[in-house]
Amino acid sequence: MIHVGQKVGHQRNLKHGMVTRSWGFPRRPDWYGRWKPDFAVLVTGAAPRVQPGEWEAKSVRMVLCKVQVGVYEGTAPHWPDEIAEERVIYPYRLGLEPLAVLDDVPLGPDGPLSAEASQAARRSGTQQGVGYLVAMDPQPLFDAVGIEADWAADHDVALAATPGVTLEQLEGPNSPRRGRRGAGRQMDPEKRKAVELYAEEKAVTHYQDPERGWTVHKVGKPYDLRLEREGLERRVEVKGTTGAPTSVELTVNEVFHARDTRHTVDLYIVSDIKVTKTDGAYHCSGGDVLLLEDWQPAEEDLRPTRYQYLVPQPSTAPQP
């Protein structure tokens, strides 16, 4: 359970965290290194420094997330206030996949949280937002948002069964106004391009290493790199992010290509990339690599974020 403050800076970090699929704490949680939670519930919209009974009388916004990457120590500034101050403020980080937003959710018995989970969210708010670990059945949260999942039977929830989170849903009186996009993309196109190019160059260096011996060709679409070695061919999709390696955006063509059994495809992800800006230009450094060899994206791990709509046409042509 994680409490998020209502000040503008806190809400800006909330948006940034959902875009980059990450969250962070200023100090190490007590459960660090011992447990990896299945889910994280971010609670915002209520002041925590109240008595338990007063807290349970409130209603809040909750962001339900799946924990994809357990707590790790980040080394590069990532959140807006970290970047502004050029230092790491929240070194203990989680990789999150946002599943859904619930609004006006009661914190008391009428809501989907157990009493222990509700009070854990309150205590988190009194402890700099550090997450509290609780044992709780997530099924009431799934039911509240309309996610079709049977936690008791499957102990999992498919990404395709969840609605996801958009920045529009996170708007509030203290939210910074920005361009409204779905979660998962860098909002600055120049920064996004710098991150992508840096990740690609890191991948090229990896595969060209003499121990691997691949000859690398940059392609672009529907995949990034083509590798050749002694009559063998391998193709690589490259993704870069300043956050955790939780999820990445894929085009339809990228998915079809990766599933084409005629090709062998790797997914090469560079996460936690450090980005600085000097004289108007972005510079990238660092980053951790996650390499998925012989990669084929499964249907349950995909969620549509855009649709193409076929516009109904009039039965007769309009008169000039």
C-alpha atoms as a PDB file:
ATOM      1  CA  MET A   1       0.000   0.000   0.000  1.00  0.00           C
ATOM      2  CA  ILE A   2       1.412   3.372  -1.064  1.00  0.00           C
ATOM      3  CA  HIS A   3       0.103   6.823  -0.175  1.00  0.00           C
ATOM      4  CA  VAL A   4       0.645   9.650  -2.681  1.00  0.00           C
ATOM      5  CA  GLY A   5       0.370  13.230  -1.440  1.00  0.00           C
ATOM      6  CA  GLN A   6      -1.946  15.812  -2.967  1.00  0.00           C
ATOM      7  CA  LYS A   7       0.587  18.575  -3.606  1.00  0.00           C
ATOM      8  CA  VAL A   8       1.412  19.473  -7.205  1.00  0.00           C
ATOM      9  CA  GLY A   9       4.859  17.890  -6.999  1.00  0.00           C
ATOM     10  CA  HIS A  10       3.451  14.609  -5.698  1.00  0.00           C
ATOM     11  CA  GLN A  11       0.806  14.496  -8.413  1.00  0.00           C
ATOM     12  CA  ARG A  12       3.411  15.280 -11.067  1.00  0.00           C
ATOM     13  CA  ASN A  13       5.456  12.339  -9.822  1.00  0.00           C
ATOM     14  CA  LEU A  14       2.351  10.145  -9.905  1.00  0.00           C
ATOM     15  CA  LYS A  15       1.782  10.928 -13.572  1.00  0.00           C
ATOM     16  CA  HIS A  16       5.444  10.437 -14.404  1.00  0.00           C
ATOM     17  CA  GLY A  17       5.507   7.144 -12.523  1.00  0.00           C
ATOM     18  CA  MET A  18       2.509   5.791 -14.409  1.00  0.00           C
ATOM     19  CA  VAL A  19       3.975   6.895 -17.749  1.00  0.00           C
ATOM     20  CA  THR A  20       7.326   5.252 -17.029  1.00  0.00           C
ATOM     21  CA  ARG A  21       5.879   2.262 -15.147  1.00  0.00           C
ATOM     22  CA  SER A  22       7.860   3.009 -12.003  1.00  0.00           C
ATOM     23  CA  TRP A  23       7.557   4.059  -8.387  1.00  0.00           C
ATOM     24  CA  GLY A  24      10.134   4.944  -5.792  1.00  0.00           C
ATOM     25  CA  PHE A  25      10.687   5.426  -2.059  1.00  0.00           C
ATOM     26  CA  PRO A  26      13.079   7.828  -0.290  1.00  0.00           C
ATOM     27  CA  ARG A  27      14.212   5.121   2.105  1.00  0.00           C
ATOM     28  CA  ARG A  28      14.400   1.366   2.135  1.00  0.00           C
ATOM     29  CA  PRO A  29      11.140  -0.463   2.947  1.00  0.00           C
ATOM     30  CA  ASP A  30      11.308  -2.918   5.843  1.00  0.00           C
ATOM     31  CA  TRP A  31      10.475  -5.761   3.452  1.00  0.00           C
ATOM     32  CA  TYR A  32      13.228  -4.888   0.946  1.00  0.00           C
ATOM     33  CA  GLY A  33      15.094  -7.974  -0.237  1.00  0.00           C
ATOM     34  CA  ARG A  34      12.668 -10.367   1.473  1.00  0.00           C
ATOM     35  CA  TRP A  35       9.395 -10.086  -0.419  1.00  0.00           C
ATOM     36  CA  LYS A  36       8.121  -9.110  -3.842  1.00  0.00           C
ATOM     37  CA  PRO A  37       4.468  -8.036  -3.679  1.00  0.00           C
ATOM     38  CA  ASP A  38       2.052  -9.119  -6.403  1.00  0.00           C
ATOM     39  CA  PHE A  39       0.322  -5.734  -6.594  1.00  0.00           C
ATOM     40  CA  ALA A  40       0.723  -2.151  -5.510  1.00  0.00           C
ATOM     41  CA  VAL A  41      -2.218   0.111  -4.689  1.00  0.00           C
ATOM     42  CA  LEU A  42      -1.417   3.827  -4.881  1.00  0.00           C
ATOM     43  CA  VAL A  43      -3.861   5.840  -2.782  1.00  0.00           C
ATOM     44  CA  THR A  44      -4.297   9.600  -3.216  1.00  0.00           C
ATOM     45  CA  GLY A  45      -6.865  12.229  -2.266  1.00  0.00           C
ATOM     46  CA  ALA A  46      -6.927  12.044   1.539  1.00  0.00           C
ATOM     47  CA  ALA A  47      -4.634  13.506   4.199  1.00  0.00           C
ATOM     48  CA  PRO A  48      -3.138  10.647   6.259  1.00  0.00           C
ATOM     49  CA  ARG A  49      -2.411  12.366   9.578  1.00  0.00           C
ATOM     50  CA  VAL A  50      -5.792  11.630  11.104  1.00  0.00           C
ATOM     51  CA  GLN A  51      -7.218   9.082  13.518  1.00  0.00           C
ATOM     52  CA  PRO A  52      -8.013   5.613  12.047  1.00  0.00           C
ATOM     53  CA  GLY A  53     -11.761   6.138  12.316  1.00  0.00           C
ATOM     54  CA  GLU A  54     -11.616   9.472  10.496  1.00  0.00           C
ATOM     55  CA  TRP A  55      -9.447   7.909   7.790  1.00  0.00           C
ATOM     56  CA  GLU A  56     -11.953   5.111   7.166  1.00  0.00           C
ATOM     57  CA  ALA A  57     -14.720   7.672   6.666  1.00  0.00           C
ATOM     58  CA  LYS A  58     -12.936   9.127   3.614  1.00  0.00           C
ATOM     59  CA  SER A  59     -13.044   8.209  -0.075  1.00  0.00           C
ATOM     60  CA  VAL A  60      -9.998   8.309  -2.345  1.00  0.00           C
ATOM     61  CA  ARG A  61      -8.627   7.603  -5.792  1.00  0.00           C
ATOM     62  CA  MET A  62      -6.740   4.321  -6.128  1.00  0.00           C
ATOM     63  CA  VAL A  63      -4.401   3.229  -8.904  1.00  0.00           C
ATOM     64  CA  LEU A  64      -4.116  -0.544  -9.026  1.00  0.00           C
ATOM     65  CA  CYS A  65      -0.800  -1.774 -10.414  1.00  0.00           C
ATOM     66  CA  LYS A  66       0.824  -5.130 -10.952  1.00  0.00           C
ATOM     67  CA  VAL A  67       4.357  -5.318  -9.543  1.00  0.00           C
ATOM     68  CA  GLN A  68       6.464  -6.493 -12.449  1.00  0.00           C
ATOM     69  CA  VAL A  69       9.911  -5.703 -11.030  1.00  0.00           C
ATOM     70  CA  GLY A  70      10.593  -6.005  -7.302  1.00  0.00           C
ATOM     71  CA  VAL A  71      12.342  -3.287  -5.308  1.00  0.00           C
ATOM     72  CA  TYR A  72      15.769  -2.391  -6.681  1.00  0.00           C
ATOM     73  CA  GLU A  73      18.165   0.499  -6.121  1.00  0.00           C
ATOM     74  CA  GLY A  74      18.118   3.107  -8.884  1.00  0.00           C
ATOM     75  CA  THR A  75      21.203   5.205  -9.526  1.00  0.00           C
ATOM     76  CA  ALA A  76      19.974   7.881 -11.964  1.00  0.00           C
ATOM     77  CA  PRO A  77      17.551  10.793 -11.396  1.00  0.00           C
ATOM     78  CA  HIS A  78      14.192   9.751 -12.780  1.00  0.00           C
ATOM     79  CA  TRP A  79      11.277  11.723 -11.304  1.00  0.00           C
ATOM     80  CA  PRO A  80      10.727  15.412 -12.164  1.00  0.00           C
ATOM     81  CA  ASP A  81      11.935  16.658  -8.778  1.00  0.00           C
ATOM     82  CA  GLU A  82      15.019  14.430  -9.003  1.00  0.00           C
ATOM     83  CA  ILE A  83      15.836  15.788 -12.444  1.00  0.00           C
ATOM     84  CA  ALA A  84      15.312  19.377 -11.280  1.00  0.00           C
ATOM     85  CA  GLU A  85      17.659  18.869  -8.325  1.00  0.00           C
ATOM     86  CA  GLU A  86      20.070  16.626 -10.275  1.00  0.00           C
ATOM     87  CA  ARG A  87      20.151  14.004  -7.550  1.00  0.00           C
ATOM     88  CA  VAL A  88      18.450  10.738  -6.634  1.00  0.00           C
ATOM     89  CA  ILE A  89      15.703  11.290  -4.035  1.00  0.00           C
ATOM     90  CA  TYR A  90      13.835   7.984  -4.390  1.00  0.00           C
ATOM     91  CA  PRO A  91      16.524   5.302  -4.803  1.00  0.00           C
ATOM     92  CA  TYR A  92      14.368   2.294  -3.857  1.00  0.00           C
ATOM     93  CA  ARG A  93      12.200   1.617  -6.880  1.00  0.00           C
ATOM     94  CA  LEU A  94       9.526  -0.737  -8.161  1.00  0.00           C
ATOM     95  CA  GLY A  95       8.591  -1.633 -11.713  1.00  0.00           C
ATOM     96  CA  LEU A  96       4.815  -1.285 -12.003  1.00  0.00           C
ATOM     97  CA  GLU A  97       2.274  -2.051 -14.701  1.00  0.00           C
ATOM     98  CA  PRO A  98      -0.796   0.204 -14.193  1.00  0.00           C
ATOM     99  CA  LEU A  99      -3.956  -1.890 -14.436  1.00  0.00           C
ATOM    100  CA  ALA A 100      -6.830   0.439 -13.557  1.00  0.00           C
ATOM    101  CA  VAL A 101      -7.964   3.606 -11.774  1.00  0.00           C
ATOM    102  CA  LEU A 102     -10.751   3.535  -9.190  1.00  0.00           C
ATOM    103  CA  ASP A 103     -12.332   6.852  -8.158  1.00  0.00           C
ATOM    104  CA  ASP A 104     -14.287   7.777  -5.022  1.00  0.00           C
ATOM    105  CA  VAL A 105     -13.387   4.517  -3.312  1.00  0.00           C
ATOM    106  CA  PRO A 106     -14.392   4.231   0.377  1.00  0.00           C
ATOM    107  CA  LEU A 107     -11.555   3.466   2.764  1.00  0.00           C
ATOM    108  CA  GLY A 108     -13.898   1.840   5.258  1.00  0.00           C
ATOM    109  CA  PRO A 109     -15.807  -1.471   5.329  1.00  0.00           C
ATOM    110  CA  ASP A 110     -17.847  -0.543   2.240  1.00  0.00           C
ATOM    111  CA  GLY A 111     -14.699  -0.358   0.102  1.00  0.00           C
ATOM    112  CA  PRO A 112     -12.579  -3.087  -1.536  1.00  0.00           C
ATOM    113  CA  LEU A 113      -9.650  -2.849   0.916  1.00  0.00           C
ATOM    114  CA  SER A 114      -9.254  -4.918   4.025  1.00  0.00           C
ATOM    115  CA  ALA A 115      -9.046  -2.961   7.285  1.00  0.00           C
ATOM    116  CA  GLU A 116      -5.333  -3.750   7.477  1.00  0.00           C
ATOM    117  CA  ALA A 117      -4.700  -2.541   3.911  1.00  0.00           C
ATOM    118  CA  SER A 118      -6.641   0.678   4.474  1.00  0.00           C
ATOM    119  CA  GLN A 119      -4.635   1.531   7.575  1.00  0.00           C
ATOM    120  CA  ALA A 120      -1.403   0.562   5.812  1.00  0.00           C
ATOM    121  CA  ALA A 121      -2.146   3.239   3.192  1.00  0.00           C
ATOM    122  CA  ARG A 122      -2.631   5.788   5.982  1.00  0.00           C
ATOM    123  CA  ARG A 123       0.631   4.804   7.676  1.00  0.00           C
ATOM    124  CA  SER A 124       2.436   5.050   4.345  1.00  0.00           C
ATOM    125  CA  GLY A 125       1.372   8.691   4.142  1.00  0.00           C
ATOM    126  CA  THR A 126       2.885   9.402   7.557  1.00  0.00           C
ATOM    127  CA  GLN A 127       6.175   7.723   6.572  1.00  0.00           C
ATOM    128  CA  GLN A 128       7.181   9.689   3.444  1.00  0.00           C
ATOM    129  CA  GLY A 129       5.067   7.463   1.203  1.00  0.00           C
ATOM    130  CA  VAL A 130       7.144   4.345   1.828  1.00  0.00           C
ATOM    131  CA  GLY A 131       5.112   1.288   0.878  1.00  0.00           C
ATOM    132  CA  TYR A 132       3.623  -1.038   3.482  1.00  0.00           C
ATOM    133  CA  LEU A 133       3.273  -4.735   2.740  1.00  0.00           C
ATOM    134  CA  VAL A 134      -0.018  -6.431   3.643  1.00  0.00           C
ATOM    135  CA  ALA A 135      -1.601  -9.801   2.962  1.00  0.00           C
ATOM    136  CA  MET A 136      -4.883  -9.182   1.138  1.00  0.00           C
ATOM    137  CA  ASP A 137      -7.050 -10.901  -1.449  1.00  0.00           C
ATOM    138  CA  PRO A 138      -6.990  -8.626  -4.551  1.00  0.00           C
ATOM    139  CA  GLN A 139     -10.275 -10.035  -5.898  1.00  0.00           C
ATOM    140  CA  PRO A 140     -12.432  -7.229  -4.400  1.00  0.00           C
ATOM    141  CA  LEU A 141     -10.270  -4.705  -6.267  1.00  0.00           C
ATOM    142  CA  PHE A 142     -10.664  -6.652  -9.521  1.00  0.00           C
ATOM    143  CA  ASP A 143     -14.422  -6.802  -9.007  1.00  0.00           C
ATOM    144  CA  ALA A 144     -14.652  -3.090  -8.196  1.00  0.00           C
ATOM    145  CA  VAL A 145     -13.019  -2.100 -11.468  1.00  0.00           C
ATOM    146  CA  GLY A 146     -14.617  -4.834 -13.597  1.00  0.00           C
ATOM    147  CA  ILE A 147     -11.495  -6.898 -14.303  1.00  0.00           C
ATOM    148  CA  GLU A 148     -12.472 -10.447 -15.263  1.00  0.00           C
ATOM    149  CA  ALA A 149     -10.035 -12.549 -13.250  1.00  0.00           C
ATOM    150  CA  ASP A 150     -10.237 -15.372 -10.729  1.00  0.00           C
ATOM    151  CA  TRP A 151      -7.336 -14.814  -8.362  1.00  0.00           C
ATOM    152  CA  ALA A 152      -8.095 -17.862  -6.220  1.00  0.00           C
ATOM    153  CA  ALA A 153      -7.991 -20.172  -9.244  1.00  0.00           C
ATOM    154  CA  ASP A 154      -5.326 -18.591 -11.442  1.00  0.00           C
ATOM    155  CA  HIS A 155      -3.251 -16.455  -9.082  1.00  0.00           C
ATOM    156  CA  ASP A 156      -2.677 -14.116 -12.007  1.00  0.00           C
ATOM    157  CA  VAL A 157      -4.377 -11.450 -14.073  1.00  0.00           C
ATOM    158  CA  ALA A 158      -3.846 -11.105 -17.815  1.00  0.00           C
ATOM    159  CA  LEU A 159      -2.832  -7.664 -19.038  1.00  0.00           C
ATOM    160  CA  ALA A 160      -5.356  -8.000 -21.849  1.00  0.00           C
ATOM    161  CA  ALA A 161      -8.155  -8.239 -19.256  1.00  0.00           C
ATOM    162  CA  THR A 162      -7.354  -4.856 -17.679  1.00  0.00           C
ATOM    163  CA  PRO A 163      -8.415  -1.380 -18.874  1.00  0.00           C
ATOM    164  CA  GLY A 164      -5.082   0.312 -18.189  1.00  0.00           C
ATOM    165  CA  VAL A 165      -4.468   3.877 -17.028  1.00  0.00           C
ATOM    166  CA  THR A 166      -4.443   7.134 -19.000  1.00  0.00           C
ATOM    167  CA  LEU A 167      -3.183  10.527 -17.894  1.00  0.00           C
ATOM    168  CA  GLU A 168      -6.715  11.894 -18.273  1.00  0.00           C
ATOM    169  CA  GLN A 169      -7.829   9.617 -15.451  1.00  0.00           C
ATOM    170  CA  LEU A 170      -5.170  11.064 -13.172  1.00  0.00           C
ATOM    171  CA  GLU A 171      -6.271  14.669 -13.637  1.00  0.00           C
ATOM    172  CA  GLY A 172      -7.285  16.485 -10.479  1.00  0.00           C
ATOM    173  CA  PRO A 173      -7.286  19.956  -8.935  1.00  0.00           C
ATOM    174  CA  ASN A 174      -3.566  19.690  -8.128  1.00  0.00           C
ATOM    175  CA  SER A 175      -2.475  17.860 -11.262  1.00  0.00           C
ATOM    176  CA  PRO A 176       0.009  19.663 -13.527  1.00  0.00           C
ATOM    177  CA  ARG A 177      -1.538  20.308 -16.941  1.00  0.00           C
ATOM    178  CA  ARG A 178       0.249  18.501 -19.724  1.00  0.00           C
ATOM    179  CA  GLY A 179      -0.447  16.886 -23.054  1.00  0.00           C
ATOM    180  CA  ARG A 180      -2.808  13.971 -22.519  1.00  0.00           C
ATOM    181  CA  ARG A 181      -1.432  10.662 -23.649  1.00  0.00           C
ATOM    182  CA  GLY A 182      -1.831   7.095 -22.590  1.00  0.00           C
ATOM    183  CA  ALA A 183       0.649   5.769 -20.100  1.00  0.00           C
ATOM    184  CA  GLY A 184       3.833   4.283 -21.472  1.00  0.00           C
ATOM    185  CA  ARG A 185       5.426   6.989 -23.623  1.00  0.00           C
ATOM    186  CA  GLN A 186       7.926   9.736 -22.970  1.00  0.00           C
ATOM    187  CA  MET A 187       6.029  12.982 -23.530  1.00  0.00           C
ATOM    188  CA  ASP A 188       9.058  14.912 -24.880  1.00  0.00           C
ATOM    189  CA  PRO A 189       9.675  13.625 -28.452  1.00  0.00           C
ATOM    190  CA  GLU A 190      13.319  14.779 -28.496  1.00  0.00           C
ATOM    191  CA  LYS A 191      14.023  13.037 -25.200  1.00  0.00           C
ATOM    192  CA  ARG A 192      12.220   9.925 -26.383  1.00  0.00           C
ATOM    193  CA  LYS A 193      14.317   9.858 -29.560  1.00  0.00           C
ATOM    194  CA  ALA A 194      17.548  10.279 -27.589  1.00  0.00           C
ATOM    195  CA  VAL A 195      16.611   7.369 -25.332  1.00  0.00           C
ATOM    196  CA  GLU A 196      15.709   5.164 -28.305  1.00  0.00           C
ATOM    197  CA  LEU A 197      18.957   5.898 -30.148  1.00  0.00           C
ATOM    198  CA  TYR A 198      21.030   5.312 -27.019  1.00  0.00           C
ATOM    199  CA  ALA A 199      19.372   1.939 -26.441  1.00  0.00           C
ATOM    200  CA  GLU A 200      19.958   0.980 -30.062  1.00  0.00           C
ATOM    201  CA  GLU A 201      23.663   1.862 -29.905  1.00  0.00           C
ATOM    202  CA  LYS A 202      23.976  -0.136 -26.701  1.00  0.00           C
ATOM    203  CA  ALA A 203      22.393  -3.118 -28.457  1.00  0.00           C
ATOM    204  CA  VAL A 204      24.739  -2.766 -31.437  1.00  0.00           C
ATOM    205  CA  THR A 205      27.745  -2.767 -29.108  1.00  0.00           C
ATOM    206  CA  HIS A 206      26.404  -5.846 -27.321  1.00  0.00           C
ATOM    207  CA  TYR A 207      25.943  -7.944 -30.451  1.00  0.00           C
ATOM    208  CA  GLN A 208      29.143  -6.757 -32.155  1.00  0.00           C
ATOM    209  CA  ASP A 209      31.237  -7.865 -29.197  1.00  0.00           C
ATOM    210  CA  PRO A 210      33.958 -10.233 -30.524  1.00  0.00           C
ATOM    211  CA  GLU A 211      32.736 -12.999 -28.217  1.00  0.00           C
ATOM    212  CA  ARG A 212      29.371 -12.915 -30.010  1.00  0.00           C
ATOM    213  CA  GLY A 213      30.684 -12.052 -33.454  1.00  0.00           C
ATOM    214  CA  TRP A 214      27.505 -10.772 -35.070  1.00  0.00           C
ATOM    215  CA  THR A 215      27.542  -8.364 -37.992  1.00  0.00           C
ATOM    216  CA  VAL A 216      24.857  -5.794 -37.237  1.00  0.00           C
ATOM    217  CA  HIS A 217      22.684  -3.958 -39.765  1.00  0.00           C
ATOM    218  CA  LYS A 218      20.311  -1.184 -38.692  1.00  0.00           C
ATOM    219  CA  VAL A 219      16.893  -1.646 -40.276  1.00  0.00           C
ATOM    220  CA  GLY A 220      14.267   0.470 -38.468  1.00  0.00           C
ATOM    221  CA  LYS A 221      10.927  -1.160 -39.355  1.00  0.00           C
ATOM    222  CA  PRO A 222       9.342  -3.594 -38.580  1.00  0.00           C
ATOM    223  CA  TYR A 223      12.381  -4.384 -36.395  1.00  0.00           C
ATOM    224  CA  ASP A 224      15.490  -2.460 -35.423  1.00  0.00           C
ATOM    225  CA  LEU A 225      18.531  -4.661 -36.069  1.00  0.00           C
ATOM    226  CA  ARG A 226      19.391  -7.567 -38.352  1.00  0.00           C
ATOM    227  CA  LEU A 227      22.235  -9.799 -37.195  1.00  0.00           C
ATOM    228  CA  GLU A 228      24.304 -12.072 -39.435  1.00  0.00           C
ATOM    229  CA  ARG A 229      26.936 -14.647 -38.484  1.00  0.00           C
ATOM    230  CA  GLU A 230      28.191 -17.666 -40.412  1.00  0.00           C
ATOM    231  CA  GLY A 231      24.991 -18.103 -42.395  1.00  0.00           C
ATOM    232  CA  LEU A 232      22.732 -17.455 -39.399  1.00  0.00           C
ATOM    233  CA  GLU A 233      20.319 -14.549 -39.060  1.00  0.00           C
ATOM    234  CA  ARG A 234      18.696 -13.067 -35.962  1.00  0.00           C
ATOM    235  CA  ARG A 235      16.521  -9.970 -35.660  1.00  0.00           C
ATOM    236  CA  VAL A 236      16.297  -7.595 -32.719  1.00  0.00           C
ATOM    237  CA  GLU A 237      13.602  -5.262 -31.404  1.00  0.00           C
ATOM    238  CA  VAL A 238      15.182  -2.590 -29.184  1.00  0.00           C
ATOM    239  CA  LYS A 239      13.407  -0.566 -26.492  1.00  0.00           C
ATOM    240  CA  GLY A 240      14.763   2.067 -24.110  1.00  0.00           C
ATOM    241  CA  THR A 241      13.238   3.620 -21.001  1.00  0.00           C
ATOM    242  CA  THR A 242      14.236   5.832 -18.101  1.00  0.00           C
ATOM    243  CA  GLY A 243      12.049   3.714 -15.849  1.00  0.00           C
ATOM    244  CA  ALA A 244      11.875   0.034 -14.995  1.00  0.00           C
ATOM    245  CA  PRO A 245      11.639  -2.739 -17.629  1.00  0.00           C
ATOM    246  CA  THR A 246       7.982  -3.307 -16.834  1.00  0.00           C
ATOM    247  CA  SER A 247       6.266  -3.080 -20.215  1.00  0.00           C
ATOM    248  CA  VAL A 248       7.031  -1.571 -23.601  1.00  0.00           C
ATOM    249  CA  GLU A 249       4.936  -0.220 -26.455  1.00  0.00           C
ATOM    250  CA  LEU A 250       4.762  -2.328 -29.594  1.00  0.00           C
ATOM    251  CA  THR A 251       3.252  -1.562 -32.980  1.00  0.00           C
ATOM    252  CA  VAL A 252       1.029  -4.088 -34.722  1.00  0.00           C
ATOM    253  CA  ASN A 253       3.799  -4.772 -37.233  1.00  0.00           C
ATOM    254  CA  GLU A 254       6.336  -5.359 -34.451  1.00  0.00           C
ATOM    255  CA  VAL A 255       4.048  -7.934 -32.858  1.00  0.00           C
ATOM    256  CA  PHE A 256       3.316  -9.695 -36.156  1.00  0.00           C
ATOM    257  CA  HIS A 257       7.003  -9.787 -37.024  1.00  0.00           C
ATOM    258  CA  ALA A 258       8.015 -11.213 -33.646  1.00  0.00           C
ATOM    259  CA  ARG A 259       5.382 -13.945 -33.995  1.00  0.00           C
ATOM    260  CA  ASP A 260       6.449 -14.887 -37.512  1.00  0.00           C
ATOM    261  CA  THR A 261       8.011 -18.339 -37.116  1.00  0.00           C
ATOM    262  CA  ARG A 262      10.259 -17.730 -40.137  1.00  0.00           C
ATOM    263  CA  HIS A 263      12.340 -15.350 -38.010  1.00  0.00           C
ATOM    264  CA  THR A 264      14.267 -15.596 -34.757  1.00  0.00           C
ATOM    265  CA  VAL A 265      13.746 -12.395 -32.774  1.00  0.00           C
ATOM    266  CA  ASP A 266      15.277 -10.970 -29.584  1.00  0.00           C
ATOM    267  CA  LEU A 267      13.803  -8.205 -27.432  1.00  0.00           C
ATOM    268  CA  TYR A 268      16.602  -5.988 -26.070  1.00  0.00           C
ATOM    269  CA  ILE A 269      15.486  -3.534 -23.368  1.00  0.00           C
ATOM    270  CA  VAL A 270      17.636  -0.864 -21.731  1.00  0.00           C
ATOM    271  CA  SER A 271      16.029   0.512 -18.564  1.00  0.00           C
ATOM    272  CA  ASP A 272      16.926   3.136 -15.967  1.00  0.00           C
ATOM    273  CA  ILE A 273      18.713   5.248 -18.554  1.00  0.00           C
ATOM    274  CA  LYS A 274      20.130   8.467 -17.160  1.00  0.00           C
ATOM    275  CA  VAL A 275      19.235  11.506 -19.273  1.00  0.00           C
ATOM    276  CA  THR A 276      20.779  14.972 -18.949  1.00  0.00           C
ATOM    277  CA  LYS A 277      20.310  18.081 -21.066  1.00  0.00           C
ATOM    278  CA  THR A 278      23.196  20.355 -22.009  1.00  0.00           C
ATOM    279  CA  ASP A 279      22.969  23.314 -24.410  1.00  0.00           C
ATOM    280  CA  GLY A 280      19.549  22.140 -25.562  1.00  0.00           C
ATOM    281  CA  ALA A 281      20.642  18.579 -26.387  1.00  0.00           C
ATOM    282  CA  TYR A 282      19.841  15.390 -24.508  1.00  0.00           C
ATOM    283  CA  HIS A 283      22.629  13.039 -23.453  1.00  0.00           C
ATOM    284  CA  CYS A 284      22.084   9.477 -22.216  1.00  0.00           C
ATOM    285  CA  SER A 285      24.235   7.225 -20.107  1.00  0.00           C
ATOM    286  CA  GLY A 286      24.085   4.138 -17.874  1.00  0.00           C
ATOM    287  CA  GLY A 287      21.140   1.795 -17.991  1.00  0.00           C
ATOM    288  CA  ASP A 288      20.452  -1.856 -17.228  1.00  0.00           C
ATOM    289  CA  VAL A 289      19.913  -4.451 -19.937  1.00  0.00           C
ATOM    290  CA  LEU A 290      17.190  -7.086 -20.080  1.00  0.00           C
ATOM    291  CA  LEU A 291      17.575  -9.440 -23.042  1.00  0.00           C
ATOM    292  CA  LEU A 292      14.741 -11.795 -24.039  1.00  0.00           C
ATOM    293  CA  GLU A 293      16.090 -14.209 -26.637  1.00  0.00           C
ATOM    294  CA  ASP A 294      13.843 -16.111 -29.051  1.00  0.00           C
ATOM    295  CA  TRP A 295      11.049 -13.737 -28.101  1.00  0.00           C
ATOM    296  CA  GLN A 296       7.384 -14.167 -29.076  1.00  0.00           C
ATOM    297  CA  PRO A 297       4.834 -11.900 -27.314  1.00  0.00           C
ATOM    298  CA  ALA A 298       1.938 -13.878 -25.858  1.00  0.00           C
ATOM    299  CA  GLU A 299      -1.621 -12.678 -26.405  1.00  0.00           C
ATOM    300  CA  GLU A 300      -2.393 -12.394 -22.680  1.00  0.00           C
ATOM    301  CA  ASP A 301       0.564 -10.037 -22.232  1.00  0.00           C
ATOM    302  CA  LEU A 302      -0.716  -7.540 -24.808  1.00  0.00           C
ATOM    303  CA  ARG A 303      -3.231  -4.751 -24.242  1.00  0.00           C
ATOM    304  CA  PRO A 304      -4.623  -2.537 -27.049  1.00  0.00           C
ATOM    305  CA  THR A 305      -3.993   1.161 -26.442  1.00  0.00           C
ATOM    306  CA  ARG A 306      -5.278   2.497 -29.774  1.00  0.00           C
ATOM    307  CA  TYR A 307      -8.089   1.560 -32.161  1.00  0.00           C
ATOM    308  CA  GLN A 308      -8.806   2.176 -35.819  1.00  0.00           C
ATOM    309  CA  TYR A 309     -12.425   3.159 -36.328  1.00  0.00           C
ATOM    310  CA  LEU A 310     -14.228   2.478 -39.598  1.00  0.00           C
ATOM    311  CA  VAL A 311     -16.453   5.491 -40.231  1.00  0.00           C
ATOM    312  CA  PRO A 312     -20.001   4.609 -41.394  1.00  0.00           C
ATOM    313  CA  GLN A 313     -20.720   6.038 -44.833  1.00  0.00           C
ATOM    314  CA  PRO A 314     -24.046   7.480 -46.020  1.00  0.00           C
ATOM    315  CA  SER A 315     -26.127   5.156 -48.165  1.00  0.00           C
ATOM    316  CA  THR A 316     -26.180   7.669 -51.027  1.00  0.00           C
ATOM    317  CA  ALA A 317     -23.529  10.115 -52.120  1.00  0.00           C
ATOM    318  CA  PRO A 318     -24.229  13.696 -50.994  1.00  0.00           C
ATOM    319  CA  GLN A 319     -25.315  16.127 -53.691  1.00  0.00           C
ATOM    320  CA  PRO A 320     -22.758  18.786 -54.683  1.00  0.00           C
END
